[in-house]
Amino acid sequence: LQHIHYTHHSAPKDLNYIFAQFWLTIPGLIFDLLLAYFIT
């Protein structure tokens, strides 16, 4: 929870928490890809 957002609120100008990191975005990208492929 700290890494995905809580630290962003305590340190809102820290670039490492402004931008979503790969360990969070890649699984989301794969999920969206599979969901889109299934829906279509």
Full PDB file with SEQRES, HELIX, SHEET, SSBOND, CRYST1, ORIGX, SCALE, CONECT and MASTER records, all heavy atoms in Angstrom:
SEQRES   1 A   40  LEU GLN HIS ILE HIS TYR THR HIS HIS SER ALA PRO LYS          
SEQRES   2 A   40  ASP LEU ASN TYR ILE PHE ALA GLN PHE TRP LEU THR ILE          
SEQRES   3 A   40  PRO GLY LEU ILE PHE ASP LEU LEU LEU ALA TYR PHE ILE          
SEQRES   4 A   40  THR                                                          
HELIX    1 AA1 GLN A    2  TYR A    6  3                                   5    
HELIX    2 AA2 THR A    7  SER A   10  1                                   4    
HELIX    3 AA3 LEU A   15  ILE A   18  1                                   4    
HELIX    4 AA4 PHE A   22  ILE A   39  1                                  18    
CRYST1    1.000    1.000    1.000  90.00  90.00  90.00 P 1           1          
ORIGX1      1.000000  0.000000  0.000000        0.00000                         
ORIGX2      0.000000  1.000000  0.000000        0.00000                         
ORIGX3      0.000000  0.000000  1.000000        0.00000                         
SCALE1      1.000000  0.000000  0.000000        0.00000                         
SCALE2      0.000000  1.000000  0.000000        0.00000                         
SCALE3      0.000000  0.000000  1.000000        0.00000                         
ATOM      1  N   LEU A   1       0.824  -1.208   0.000  1.00  0.00           N  
ATOM      2  CA  LEU A   1       0.000   0.000   0.000  1.00  0.00           C  
ATOM      3  C   LEU A   1       0.859   1.258   0.000  1.00  0.00           C  
ATOM      4  O   LEU A   1       0.534   2.244  -0.660  1.00  0.00           O  
ATOM      5  CB  LEU A   1      -0.934   0.002   1.214  1.00  0.00           C  
ATOM      6  CG  LEU A   1      -2.048  -1.046   1.219  1.00  0.00           C  
ATOM      7  CD1 LEU A   1      -2.879  -0.935   2.493  1.00  0.00           C  
ATOM      8  CD2 LEU A   1      -2.943  -0.898  -0.001  1.00  0.00           C  
ATOM      9  N   GLN A   2       1.951   1.211   0.733  1.00  0.00           N  
ATOM     10  CA  GLN A   2       2.860   2.352   0.747  1.00  0.00           C  
ATOM     11  C   GLN A   2       3.395   2.634  -0.651  1.00  0.00           C  
ATOM     12  O   GLN A   2       3.420   3.782  -1.097  1.00  0.00           O  
ATOM     13  CB  GLN A   2       4.030   2.077   1.694  1.00  0.00           C  
ATOM     14  CG  GLN A   2       3.662   2.104   3.168  1.00  0.00           C  
ATOM     15  CD  GLN A   2       4.817   1.676   4.049  1.00  0.00           C  
ATOM     16  OE1 GLN A   2       5.855   1.240   3.555  1.00  0.00           O  
ATOM     17  NE2 GLN A   2       4.643   1.782   5.347  1.00  0.00           N  
ATOM     18  N   HIS A   3       3.808   1.587  -1.330  1.00  0.00           N  
ATOM     19  CA  HIS A   3       4.436   1.752  -2.634  1.00  0.00           C  
ATOM     20  C   HIS A   3       3.448   2.176  -3.722  1.00  0.00           C  
ATOM     21  O   HIS A   3       3.807   2.936  -4.622  1.00  0.00           O  
ATOM     22  CB  HIS A   3       5.152   0.462  -3.055  1.00  0.00           C  
ATOM     23  CG  HIS A   3       6.501   0.306  -2.436  1.00  0.00           C  
ATOM     24  ND1 HIS A   3       7.580   1.105  -2.763  1.00  0.00           N  
ATOM     25  CD2 HIS A   3       6.956  -0.538  -1.482  1.00  0.00           C  
ATOM     26  CE1 HIS A   3       8.628   0.751  -2.062  1.00  0.00           C  
ATOM     27  NE2 HIS A   3       8.280  -0.239  -1.267  1.00  0.00           N  
ATOM     28  N   ILE A   4       2.212   1.672  -3.651  1.00  0.00           N  
ATOM     29  CA  ILE A   4       1.287   2.014  -4.738  1.00  0.00           C  
ATOM     30  C   ILE A   4       0.707   3.420  -4.596  1.00  0.00           C  
ATOM     31  O   ILE A   4       0.365   4.051  -5.599  1.00  0.00           O  
ATOM     32  CB  ILE A   4       0.149   0.981  -4.888  1.00  0.00           C  
ATOM     33  CG1 ILE A   4      -0.764   0.972  -3.656  1.00  0.00           C  
ATOM     34  CG2 ILE A   4       0.694  -0.400  -5.184  1.00  0.00           C  
ATOM     35  CD1 ILE A   4      -2.040   0.176  -3.853  1.00  0.00           C  
ATOM     36  N   HIS A   5       0.605   3.925  -3.339  1.00  0.00           N  
ATOM     37  CA  HIS A   5      -0.010   5.258  -3.237  1.00  0.00           C  
ATOM     38  C   HIS A   5       0.244   6.013  -1.933  1.00  0.00           C  
ATOM     39  O   HIS A   5       0.350   7.247  -1.949  1.00  0.00           O  
ATOM     40  CB  HIS A   5      -1.522   5.149  -3.452  1.00  0.00           C  
ATOM     41  CG  HIS A   5      -2.146   6.427  -3.902  1.00  0.00           C  
ATOM     42  ND1 HIS A   5      -1.779   7.092  -5.054  1.00  0.00           N  
ATOM     43  CD2 HIS A   5      -3.132   7.199  -3.344  1.00  0.00           C  
ATOM     44  CE1 HIS A   5      -2.499   8.183  -5.198  1.00  0.00           C  
ATOM     45  NE2 HIS A   5      -3.325   8.280  -4.176  1.00  0.00           N  
ATOM     46  N   TYR A   6       0.321   5.308  -0.827  1.00  0.00           N  
ATOM     47  CA  TYR A   6       0.423   6.003   0.458  1.00  0.00           C  
ATOM     48  C   TYR A   6       1.644   6.918   0.523  1.00  0.00           C  
ATOM     49  O   TYR A   6       1.559   8.049   1.003  1.00  0.00           O  
ATOM     50  CB  TYR A   6       0.460   4.986   1.604  1.00  0.00           C  
ATOM     51  CG  TYR A   6      -0.905   4.524   2.057  1.00  0.00           C  
ATOM     52  CD1 TYR A   6      -1.774   3.873   1.180  1.00  0.00           C  
ATOM     53  CD2 TYR A   6      -1.341   4.732   3.361  1.00  0.00           C  
ATOM     54  CE1 TYR A   6      -3.024   3.443   1.590  1.00  0.00           C  
ATOM     55  CE2 TYR A   6      -2.592   4.310   3.793  1.00  0.00           C  
ATOM     56  CZ  TYR A   6      -3.434   3.662   2.894  1.00  0.00           C  
ATOM     57  OH  TYR A   6      -4.672   3.251   3.301  1.00  0.00           O  
ATOM     58  N   THR A   7       2.784   6.434   0.044  1.00  0.00           N  
ATOM     59  CA  THR A   7       3.995   7.248   0.065  1.00  0.00           C  
ATOM     60  C   THR A   7       3.852   8.456  -0.860  1.00  0.00           C  
ATOM     61  O   THR A   7       4.436   9.510  -0.607  1.00  0.00           O  
ATOM     62  CB  THR A   7       5.225   6.412  -0.337  1.00  0.00           C  
ATOM     63  OG1 THR A   7       5.345   5.305   0.566  1.00  0.00           O  
ATOM     64  CG2 THR A   7       6.501   7.234  -0.257  1.00  0.00           C  
ATOM     65  N   HIS A   8       3.079   8.297  -1.908  1.00  0.00           N  
ATOM     66  CA  HIS A   8       2.848   9.420  -2.823  1.00  0.00           C  
ATOM     67  C   HIS A   8       2.158  10.569  -2.101  1.00  0.00           C  
ATOM     68  O   HIS A   8       2.423  11.741  -2.374  1.00  0.00           O  
ATOM     69  CB  HIS A   8       2.014   8.957  -4.017  1.00  0.00           C  
ATOM     70  CG  HIS A   8       1.630  10.059  -4.948  1.00  0.00           C  
ATOM     71  ND1 HIS A   8       2.531  10.964  -5.465  1.00  0.00           N  
ATOM     72  CD2 HIS A   8       0.414  10.429  -5.449  1.00  0.00           C  
ATOM     73  CE1 HIS A   8       1.908  11.833  -6.248  1.00  0.00           C  
ATOM     74  NE2 HIS A   8       0.624  11.542  -6.242  1.00  0.00           N  
ATOM     75  N   HIS A   9       1.274  10.246  -1.160  1.00  0.00           N  
ATOM     76  CA  HIS A   9       0.600  11.299  -0.417  1.00  0.00           C  
ATOM     77  C   HIS A   9       1.521  11.953   0.610  1.00  0.00           C  
ATOM     78  O   HIS A   9       1.404  13.151   0.877  1.00  0.00           O  
ATOM     79  CB  HIS A   9      -0.658  10.752   0.272  1.00  0.00           C  
ATOM     80  CG  HIS A   9      -1.882  10.878  -0.563  1.00  0.00           C  
ATOM     81  ND1 HIS A   9      -2.787  11.891  -0.430  1.00  0.00           N  
ATOM     82  CD2 HIS A   9      -2.348  10.098  -1.580  1.00  0.00           C  
ATOM     83  CE1 HIS A   9      -3.766  11.749  -1.315  1.00  0.00           C  
ATOM     84  NE2 HIS A   9      -3.523  10.660  -2.022  1.00  0.00           N  
ATOM     85  N   SER A  10       2.417  11.172   1.194  1.00  0.00           N  
ATOM     86  CA  SER A  10       3.341  11.750   2.179  1.00  0.00           C  
ATOM     87  C   SER A  10       4.501  12.479   1.515  1.00  0.00           C  
ATOM     88  O   SER A  10       5.102  13.372   2.094  1.00  0.00           O  
ATOM     89  CB  SER A  10       3.883  10.652   3.111  1.00  0.00           C  
ATOM     90  OG  SER A  10       4.618   9.687   2.389  1.00  0.00           O  
ATOM     91  N   ALA A  11       4.832  12.083   0.267  1.00  0.00           N  
ATOM     92  CA  ALA A  11       5.917  12.732  -0.485  1.00  0.00           C  
ATOM     93  C   ALA A  11       5.439  12.976  -1.917  1.00  0.00           C  
ATOM     94  O   ALA A  11       5.891  12.320  -2.853  1.00  0.00           O  
ATOM     95  CB  ALA A  11       7.169  11.863  -0.477  1.00  0.00           C  
ATOM     96  N   PRO A  12       4.512  13.915  -2.107  1.00  0.00           N  
ATOM     97  CA  PRO A  12       3.839  14.092  -3.410  1.00  0.00           C  
ATOM     98  C   PRO A  12       4.731  14.547  -4.560  1.00  0.00           C  
ATOM     99  O   PRO A  12       4.307  14.466  -5.708  1.00  0.00           O  
ATOM    100  CB  PRO A  12       2.757  15.134  -3.106  1.00  0.00           C  
ATOM    101  CG  PRO A  12       3.229  15.852  -1.886  1.00  0.00           C  
ATOM    102  CD  PRO A  12       3.968  14.831  -1.082  1.00  0.00           C  
ATOM    103  N   LYS A  13       5.941  15.009  -4.275  1.00  0.00           N  
ATOM    104  CA  LYS A  13       6.819  15.458  -5.351  1.00  0.00           C  
ATOM    105  C   LYS A  13       7.896  14.432  -5.710  1.00  0.00           C  
ATOM    106  O   LYS A  13       8.726  14.685  -6.590  1.00  0.00           O  
ATOM    107  CB  LYS A  13       7.477  16.791  -4.966  1.00  0.00           C  
ATOM    108  CG  LYS A  13       6.505  17.966  -4.966  1.00  0.00           C  
ATOM    109  CD  LYS A  13       7.221  19.282  -4.771  1.00  0.00           C  
ATOM    110  CE  LYS A  13       6.256  20.455  -4.852  1.00  0.00           C  
ATOM    111  NZ  LYS A  13       5.639  20.583  -6.197  1.00  0.00           N  
ATOM    112  N   ASP A  14       7.887  13.303  -5.054  1.00  0.00           N  
ATOM    113  CA  ASP A  14       8.857  12.236  -5.345  1.00  0.00           C  
ATOM    114  C   ASP A  14       8.480  11.560  -6.668  1.00  0.00           C  
ATOM    115  O   ASP A  14       7.432  10.916  -6.775  1.00  0.00           O  
ATOM    116  CB  ASP A  14       8.853  11.213  -4.215  1.00  0.00           C  
ATOM    117  CG  ASP A  14       9.991  10.202  -4.335  1.00  0.00           C  
ATOM    118  OD1 ASP A  14      10.375   9.858  -5.481  1.00  0.00           O  
ATOM    119  OD2 ASP A  14      10.488   9.743  -3.298  1.00  0.00           O  
ATOM    120  N   LEU A  15       9.338  11.684  -7.676  1.00  0.00           N  
ATOM    121  CA  LEU A  15       9.042  11.158  -9.011  1.00  0.00           C  
ATOM    122  C   LEU A  15       8.801   9.663  -9.021  1.00  0.00           C  
ATOM    123  O   LEU A  15       8.025   9.151  -9.825  1.00  0.00           O  
ATOM    124  CB  LEU A  15      10.190  11.498  -9.973  1.00  0.00           C  
ATOM    125  CG  LEU A  15      10.355  12.971 -10.350  1.00  0.00           C  
ATOM    126  CD1 LEU A  15      11.572  13.152 -11.238  1.00  0.00           C  
ATOM    127  CD2 LEU A  15       9.110  13.498 -11.045  1.00  0.00           C  
ATOM    128  N   ASN A  16       9.462   8.940  -8.140  1.00  0.00           N  
ATOM    129  CA  ASN A  16       9.314   7.482  -8.108  1.00  0.00           C  
ATOM    130  C   ASN A  16       7.922   7.048  -7.676  1.00  0.00           C  
ATOM    131  O   ASN A  16       7.547   5.888  -7.868  1.00  0.00           O  
ATOM    132  CB  ASN A  16      10.353   6.866  -7.172  1.00  0.00           C  
ATOM    133  CG  ASN A  16      11.760   6.994  -7.727  1.00  0.00           C  
ATOM    134  OD1 ASN A  16      11.980   6.816  -8.927  1.00  0.00           O  
ATOM    135  ND2 ASN A  16      12.717   7.312  -6.868  1.00  0.00           N  
ATOM    136  N   TYR A  17       7.169   7.983  -7.077  1.00  0.00           N  
ATOM    137  CA  TYR A  17       5.808   7.649  -6.659  1.00  0.00           C  
ATOM    138  C   TYR A  17       4.754   8.441  -7.426  1.00  0.00           C  
ATOM    139  O   TYR A  17       3.563   8.201  -7.275  1.00  0.00           O  
ATOM    140  CB  TYR A  17       5.648   7.865  -5.149  1.00  0.00           C  
ATOM    141  CG  TYR A  17       6.535   6.939  -4.355  1.00  0.00           C  
ATOM    142  CD1 TYR A  17       7.758   7.373  -3.841  1.00  0.00           C  
ATOM    143  CD2 TYR A  17       6.172   5.611  -4.156  1.00  0.00           C  
ATOM    144  CE1 TYR A  17       8.588   6.517  -3.136  1.00  0.00           C  
ATOM    145  CE2 TYR A  17       6.992   4.742  -3.457  1.00  0.00           C  
ATOM    146  CZ  TYR A  17       8.199   5.203  -2.949  1.00  0.00           C  
ATOM    147  OH  TYR A  17       9.019   4.336  -2.271  1.00  0.00           O  
ATOM    148  N   ILE A  18       5.208   9.384  -8.235  1.00  0.00           N  
ATOM    149  CA  ILE A  18       4.275  10.079  -9.141  1.00  0.00           C  
ATOM    150  C   ILE A  18       3.958   9.171 -10.326  1.00  0.00           C  
ATOM    151  O   ILE A  18       2.801   9.017 -10.723  1.00  0.00           O  
ATOM    152  CB  ILE A  18       4.882  11.410  -9.632  1.00  0.00           C  
ATOM    153  CG1 ILE A  18       4.968  12.411  -8.483  1.00  0.00           C  
ATOM    154  CG2 ILE A  18       4.034  11.997 -10.779  1.00  0.00           C  
ATOM    155  CD1 ILE A  18       5.659  13.714  -8.851  1.00  0.00           C  
ATOM    156  N   PHE A  19       5.003   8.555 -10.872  1.00  0.00           N  
ATOM    157  CA  PHE A  19       4.846   7.647 -12.007  1.00  0.00           C  
ATOM    158  C   PHE A  19       4.670   6.213 -11.509  1.00  0.00           C  
ATOM    159  O   PHE A  19       5.411   5.756 -10.646  1.00  0.00           O  
ATOM    160  CB  PHE A  19       6.072   7.716 -12.919  1.00  0.00           C  
ATOM    161  CG  PHE A  19       6.255   9.026 -13.610  1.00  0.00           C  
ATOM    162  CD1 PHE A  19       7.086  10.004 -13.082  1.00  0.00           C  
ATOM    163  CD2 PHE A  19       5.576   9.308 -14.796  1.00  0.00           C  
ATOM    164  CE1 PHE A  19       7.256  11.234 -13.717  1.00  0.00           C  
ATOM    165  CE2 PHE A  19       5.740  10.523 -15.439  1.00  0.00           C  
ATOM    166  CZ  PHE A  19       6.578  11.493 -14.898  1.00  0.00           C  
ATOM    167  N   ALA A  20       3.686   5.525 -12.065  1.00  0.00           N  
ATOM    168  CA  ALA A  20       3.476   4.118 -11.710  1.00  0.00           C  
ATOM    169  C   ALA A  20       4.655   3.293 -12.206  1.00  0.00           C  
ATOM    170  O   ALA A  20       5.123   3.481 -13.320  1.00  0.00           O  
ATOM    171  CB  ALA A  20       2.175   3.609 -12.321  1.00  0.00           C  
ATOM    172  N   GLN A  21       5.137   2.399 -11.380  1.00  0.00           N  
ATOM    173  CA  GLN A  21       6.315   1.612 -11.710  1.00  0.00           C  
ATOM    174  C   GLN A  21       5.941   0.342 -12.469  1.00  0.00           C  
ATOM    175  O   GLN A  21       4.805  -0.117 -12.436  1.00  0.00           O  
ATOM    176  CB  GLN A  21       7.102   1.298 -10.434  1.00  0.00           C  
ATOM    177  CG  GLN A  21       7.590   2.563  -9.732  1.00  0.00           C  
ATOM    178  CD  GLN A  21       8.261   2.286  -8.406  1.00  0.00           C  
ATOM    179  OE1 GLN A  21       8.623   1.161  -8.090  1.00  0.00           O  
ATOM    180  NE2 GLN A  21       8.428   3.317  -7.593  1.00  0.00           N  
ATOM    181  N   PHE A  22       6.948  -0.232 -13.142  1.00  0.00           N  
ATOM    182  CA  PHE A  22       6.722  -1.380 -14.018  1.00  0.00           C  
ATOM    183  C   PHE A  22       6.061  -2.563 -13.316  1.00  0.00           C  
ATOM    184  O   PHE A  22       5.214  -3.244 -13.904  1.00  0.00           O  
ATOM    185  CB  PHE A  22       8.047  -1.850 -14.634  1.00  0.00           C  
ATOM    186  CG  PHE A  22       8.525  -1.009 -15.776  1.00  0.00           C  
ATOM    187  CD1 PHE A  22       9.768  -0.371 -15.728  1.00  0.00           C  
ATOM    188  CD2 PHE A  22       7.746  -0.837 -16.915  1.00  0.00           C  
ATOM    189  CE1 PHE A  22      10.201   0.412 -16.787  1.00  0.00           C  
ATOM    190  CE2 PHE A  22       8.172  -0.065 -17.982  1.00  0.00           C  
ATOM    191  CZ  PHE A  22       9.406   0.565 -17.914  1.00  0.00           C  
ATOM    192  N   TRP A  23       6.429  -2.826 -12.079  1.00  0.00           N  
ATOM    193  CA  TRP A  23       5.896  -3.998 -11.377  1.00  0.00           C  
ATOM    194  C   TRP A  23       4.382  -3.900 -11.184  1.00  0.00           C  
ATOM    195  O   TRP A  23       3.701  -4.894 -10.954  1.00  0.00           O  
ATOM    196  CB  TRP A  23       6.594  -4.190 -10.032  1.00  0.00           C  
ATOM    197  CG  TRP A  23       6.379  -3.092  -9.036  1.00  0.00           C  
ATOM    198  CD1 TRP A  23       7.144  -1.985  -8.856  1.00  0.00           C  
ATOM    199  CD2 TRP A  23       5.318  -2.995  -8.085  1.00  0.00           C  
ATOM    200  NE1 TRP A  23       6.637  -1.193  -7.849  1.00  0.00           N  
ATOM    201  CE2 TRP A  23       5.525  -1.796  -7.355  1.00  0.00           C  
ATOM    202  CE3 TRP A  23       4.225  -3.793  -7.757  1.00  0.00           C  
ATOM    203  CZ2 TRP A  23       4.676  -1.381  -6.338  1.00  0.00           C  
ATOM    204  CZ3 TRP A  23       3.375  -3.382  -6.744  1.00  0.00           C  
ATOM    205  CH2 TRP A  23       3.600  -2.194  -6.049  1.00  0.00           C  
ATOM    206  N   LEU A  24       3.863  -2.655 -11.310  1.00  0.00           N  
ATOM    207  CA  LEU A  24       2.422  -2.455 -11.180  1.00  0.00           C  
ATOM    208  C   LEU A  24       1.743  -2.314 -12.542  1.00  0.00           C  
ATOM    209  O   LEU A  24       0.639  -2.837 -12.753  1.00  0.00           O  
ATOM    210  CB  LEU A  24       2.156  -1.202 -10.337  1.00  0.00           C  
ATOM    211  CG  LEU A  24       0.714  -0.908  -9.938  1.00  0.00           C  
ATOM    212  CD1 LEU A  24       0.155  -2.044  -9.088  1.00  0.00           C  
ATOM    213  CD2 LEU A  24       0.648   0.404  -9.168  1.00  0.00           C  
ATOM    214  N   THR A  25       2.414  -1.641 -13.493  1.00  0.00           N  
ATOM    215  CA  THR A  25       1.779  -1.369 -14.789  1.00  0.00           C  
ATOM    216  C   THR A  25       1.809  -2.556 -15.751  1.00  0.00           C  
ATOM    217  O   THR A  25       0.876  -2.732 -16.530  1.00  0.00           O  
ATOM    218  CB  THR A  25       2.443  -0.166 -15.474  1.00  0.00           C  
ATOM    219  OG1 THR A  25       3.852  -0.409 -15.608  1.00  0.00           O  
ATOM    220  CG2 THR A  25       2.222   1.100 -14.673  1.00  0.00           C  
ATOM    221  N   ILE A  26       2.875  -3.357 -15.696  1.00  0.00           N  
ATOM    222  CA  ILE A  26       2.965  -4.497 -16.623  1.00  0.00           C  
ATOM    223  C   ILE A  26       1.864  -5.524 -16.368  1.00  0.00           C  
ATOM    224  O   ILE A  26       1.200  -5.970 -17.318  1.00  0.00           O  
ATOM    225  CB  ILE A  26       4.360  -5.156 -16.574  1.00  0.00           C  
ATOM    226  CG1 ILE A  26       5.431  -4.174 -17.052  1.00  0.00           C  
ATOM    227  CG2 ILE A  26       4.385  -6.416 -17.425  1.00  0.00           C  
ATOM    228  CD1 ILE A  26       5.224  -3.653 -18.463  1.00  0.00           C  
ATOM    229  N   PRO A  27       1.620  -5.941 -15.120  1.00  0.00           N  
ATOM    230  CA  PRO A  27       0.485  -6.845 -14.871  1.00  0.00           C  
ATOM    231  C   PRO A  27      -0.841  -6.231 -15.330  1.00  0.00           C  
ATOM    232  O   PRO A  27      -1.700  -6.933 -15.868  1.00  0.00           O  
ATOM    233  CB  PRO A  27       0.505  -7.039 -13.352  1.00  0.00           C  
ATOM    234  CG  PRO A  27       1.926  -6.821 -12.975  1.00  0.00           C  
ATOM    235  CD  PRO A  27       2.400  -5.715 -13.878  1.00  0.00           C  
ATOM    236  N   GLY A  28      -0.998  -4.917 -15.126  1.00  0.00           N  
ATOM    237  CA  GLY A  28      -2.218  -4.244 -15.572  1.00  0.00           C  
ATOM    238  C   GLY A  28      -2.343  -4.256 -17.082  1.00  0.00           C  
ATOM    239  O   GLY A  28      -3.432  -4.448 -17.625  1.00  0.00           O  
ATOM    240  N   LEU A  29      -1.216  -4.082 -17.757  1.00  0.00           N  
ATOM    241  CA  LEU A  29      -1.200  -4.100 -19.225  1.00  0.00           C  
ATOM    242  C   LEU A  29      -1.589  -5.486 -19.750  1.00  0.00           C  
ATOM    243  O   LEU A  29      -2.393  -5.604 -20.681  1.00  0.00           O  
ATOM    244  CB  LEU A  29       0.199  -3.736 -19.729  1.00  0.00           C  
ATOM    245  CG  LEU A  29       0.408  -3.720 -21.250  1.00  0.00           C  
ATOM    246  CD1 LEU A  29      -0.375  -2.567 -21.878  1.00  0.00           C  
ATOM    247  CD2 LEU A  29       1.892  -3.605 -21.572  1.00  0.00           C  
ATOM    248  N   ILE A  30      -1.048  -6.518 -19.144  1.00  0.00           N  
ATOM    249  CA  ILE A  30      -1.362  -7.892 -19.547  1.00  0.00           C  
ATOM    250  C   ILE A  30      -2.830  -8.210 -19.294  1.00  0.00           C  
ATOM    251  O   ILE A  30      -3.509  -8.829 -20.125  1.00  0.00           O  
ATOM    252  CB  ILE A  30      -0.455  -8.891 -18.801  1.00  0.00           C  
ATOM    253  CG1 ILE A  30       1.002  -8.696 -19.220  1.00  0.00           C  
ATOM    254  CG2 ILE A  30      -0.900 -10.335 -19.065  1.00  0.00           C  
ATOM    255  CD1 ILE A  30       1.999  -9.502 -18.413  1.00  0.00           C  
ATOM    256  N   PHE A  31      -3.332  -7.772 -18.151  1.00  0.00           N  
ATOM    257  CA  PHE A  31      -4.744  -7.994 -17.823  1.00  0.00           C  
ATOM    258  C   PHE A  31      -5.650  -7.316 -18.854  1.00  0.00           C  
ATOM    259  O   PHE A  31      -6.614  -7.923 -19.341  1.00  0.00           O  
ATOM    260  CB  PHE A  31      -5.051  -7.463 -16.418  1.00  0.00           C  
ATOM    261  CG  PHE A  31      -6.514  -7.515 -16.058  1.00  0.00           C  
ATOM    262  CD1 PHE A  31      -7.083  -8.704 -15.629  1.00  0.00           C  
ATOM    263  CD2 PHE A  31      -7.310  -6.381 -16.160  1.00  0.00           C  
ATOM    264  CE1 PHE A  31      -8.441  -8.764 -15.304  1.00  0.00           C  
ATOM    265  CE2 PHE A  31      -8.659  -6.428 -15.845  1.00  0.00           C  
ATOM    266  CZ  PHE A  31      -9.223  -7.622 -15.408  1.00  0.00           C  
ATOM    267  N   ASP A  32      -5.341  -6.054 -19.171  1.00  0.00           N  
ATOM    268  CA  ASP A  32      -6.147  -5.315 -20.162  1.00  0.00           C  
ATOM    269  C   ASP A  32      -6.086  -5.985 -21.532  1.00  0.00           C  
ATOM    270  O   ASP A  32      -7.095  -6.052 -22.251  1.00  0.00           O  
ATOM    271  CB  ASP A  32      -5.644  -3.875 -20.276  1.00  0.00           C  
ATOM    272  CG  ASP A  32      -5.997  -3.041 -19.063  1.00  0.00           C  
ATOM    273  OD1 ASP A  32      -6.896  -3.442 -18.309  1.00  0.00           O  
ATOM    274  OD2 ASP A  32      -5.347  -1.990 -18.866  1.00  0.00           O  
ATOM    275  N   LEU A  33      -4.913  -6.469 -21.891  1.00  0.00           N  
ATOM    276  CA  LEU A  33      -4.735  -7.138 -23.178  1.00  0.00           C  
ATOM    277  C   LEU A  33      -5.591  -8.402 -23.274  1.00  0.00           C  
ATOM    278  O   LEU A  33      -6.307  -8.617 -24.263  1.00  0.00           O  
ATOM    279  CB  LEU A  33      -3.262  -7.490 -23.382  1.00  0.00           C  
ATOM    280  CG  LEU A  33      -2.899  -8.276 -24.656  1.00  0.00           C  
ATOM    281  CD1 LEU A  33      -3.230  -7.458 -25.893  1.00  0.00           C  
ATOM    282  CD2 LEU A  33      -1.425  -8.660 -24.642  1.00  0.00           C  
ATOM    283  N   LEU A  34      -5.536  -9.224 -22.234  1.00  0.00           N  
ATOM    284  CA  LEU A  34      -6.311 -10.468 -22.219  1.00  0.00           C  
ATOM    285  C   LEU A  34      -7.814 -10.178 -22.190  1.00  0.00           C  
ATOM    286  O   LEU A  34      -8.602 -10.854 -22.856  1.00  0.00           O  
ATOM    287  CB  LEU A  34      -5.915 -11.321 -21.012  1.00  0.00           C  
ATOM    288  CG  LEU A  34      -4.484 -11.870 -21.019  1.00  0.00           C  
ATOM    289  CD1 LEU A  34      -4.191 -12.603 -19.716  1.00  0.00           C  
ATOM    290  CD2 LEU A  34      -4.263 -12.793 -22.205  1.00  0.00           C  
ATOM    291  N   LEU A  35      -8.204  -9.159 -21.415  1.00  0.00           N  
ATOM    292  CA  LEU A  35      -9.617  -8.795 -21.323  1.00  0.00           C  
ATOM    293  C   LEU A  35     -10.129  -8.283 -22.666  1.00  0.00           C  
ATOM    294  O   LEU A  35     -11.220  -8.675 -23.116  1.00  0.00           O  
ATOM    295  CB  LEU A  35      -9.808  -7.723 -20.245  1.00  0.00           C  
ATOM    296  CG  LEU A  35     -11.245  -7.244 -20.011  1.00  0.00           C  
ATOM    297  CD1 LEU A  35     -12.127  -8.402 -19.541  1.00  0.00           C  
ATOM    298  CD2 LEU A  35     -11.266  -6.109 -18.986  1.00  0.00           C  
ATOM    299  N   ALA A  36      -9.353  -7.427 -23.315  1.00  0.00           N  
ATOM    300  CA  ALA A  36      -9.755  -6.889 -24.622  1.00  0.00           C  
ATOM    301  C   ALA A  36      -9.861  -8.000 -25.660  1.00  0.00           C  
ATOM    302  O   ALA A  36     -10.789  -8.023 -26.472  1.00  0.00           O  
ATOM    303  CB  ALA A  36      -8.740  -5.842 -25.079  1.00  0.00           C  
ATOM    304  N   TYR A  37      -8.913  -8.932 -25.624  1.00  0.00           N  
ATOM    305  CA  TYR A  37      -8.904 -10.051 -26.571  1.00  0.00           C  
ATOM    306  C   TYR A  37     -10.133 -10.942 -26.364  1.00  0.00           C  
ATOM    307  O   TYR A  37     -10.753 -11.407 -27.323  1.00  0.00           O  
ATOM    308  CB  TYR A  37      -7.621 -10.863 -26.388  1.00  0.00           C  
ATOM    309  CG  TYR A  37      -7.404 -11.923 -27.429  1.00  0.00           C  
ATOM    310  CD1 TYR A  37      -6.970 -11.591 -28.719  1.00  0.00           C  
ATOM    311  CD2 TYR A  37      -7.607 -13.275 -27.135  1.00  0.00           C  
ATOM    312  CE1 TYR A  37      -6.760 -12.558 -29.677  1.00  0.00           C  
ATOM    313  CE2 TYR A  37      -7.402 -14.258 -28.089  1.00  0.00           C  
ATOM    314  CZ  TYR A  37      -6.977 -13.896 -29.353  1.00  0.00           C  
ATOM    315  OH  TYR A  37      -6.773 -14.866 -30.308  1.00  0.00           O  
ATOM    316  N   PHE A  38     -10.490 -11.132 -25.086  1.00  0.00           N  
ATOM    317  CA  PHE A  38     -11.657 -11.963 -24.760  1.00  0.00           C  
ATOM    318  C   PHE A  38     -12.955 -11.269 -25.177  1.00  0.00           C  
ATOM    319  O   PHE A  38     -13.831 -11.884 -25.792  1.00  0.00           O  
ATOM    320  CB  PHE A  38     -11.679 -12.248 -23.251  1.00  0.00           C  
ATOM    321  CG  PHE A  38     -12.912 -12.967 -22.790  1.00  0.00           C  
ATOM    322  CD1 PHE A  38     -13.073 -14.325 -23.003  1.00  0.00           C  
ATOM    323  CD2 PHE A  38     -13.930 -12.273 -22.136  1.00  0.00           C  
ATOM    324  CE1 PHE A  38     -14.215 -14.993 -22.569  1.00  0.00           C  
ATOM    325  CE2 PHE A  38     -15.075 -12.919 -21.709  1.00  0.00           C  
ATOM    326  CZ  PHE A  38     -15.218 -14.288 -21.924  1.00  0.00           C  
ATOM    327  N   ILE A  39     -13.085  -9.986 -24.855  1.00  0.00           N  
ATOM    328  CA  ILE A  39     -14.303  -9.234 -25.160  1.00  0.00           C  
ATOM    329  C   ILE A  39     -14.552  -9.147 -26.664  1.00  0.00           C  
ATOM    330  O   ILE A  39     -15.694  -9.206 -27.124  1.00  0.00           O  
ATOM    331  CB  ILE A  39     -14.221  -7.810 -24.548  1.00  0.00           C  
ATOM    332  CG1 ILE A  39     -14.315  -7.893 -23.031  1.00  0.00           C  
ATOM    333  CG2 ILE A  39     -15.336  -6.914 -25.100  1.00  0.00           C  
ATOM    334  CD1 ILE A  39     -14.119  -6.570 -22.333  1.00  0.00           C  
ATOM    335  N   THR A  40     -13.471  -9.018 -27.441  1.00  0.00           N  
ATOM    336  CA  THR A  40     -13.605  -8.877 -28.899  1.00  0.00           C  
ATOM    337  C   THR A  40     -13.685 -10.223 -29.612  1.00  0.00           C  
ATOM    338  O   THR A  40     -13.693 -10.269 -30.842  1.00  0.00           O  
ATOM    339  CB  THR A  40     -12.421  -8.082 -29.477  1.00  0.00           C  
ATOM    340  OG1 THR A  40     -11.193  -8.776 -29.192  1.00  0.00           O  
ATOM    341  CG2 THR A  40     -12.365  -6.692 -28.875  1.00  0.00           C  
TER     342      THR A  40                                                      
MASTER        0    0    0    4    0    0    0    6  341    1    0    4          
END                                                                             
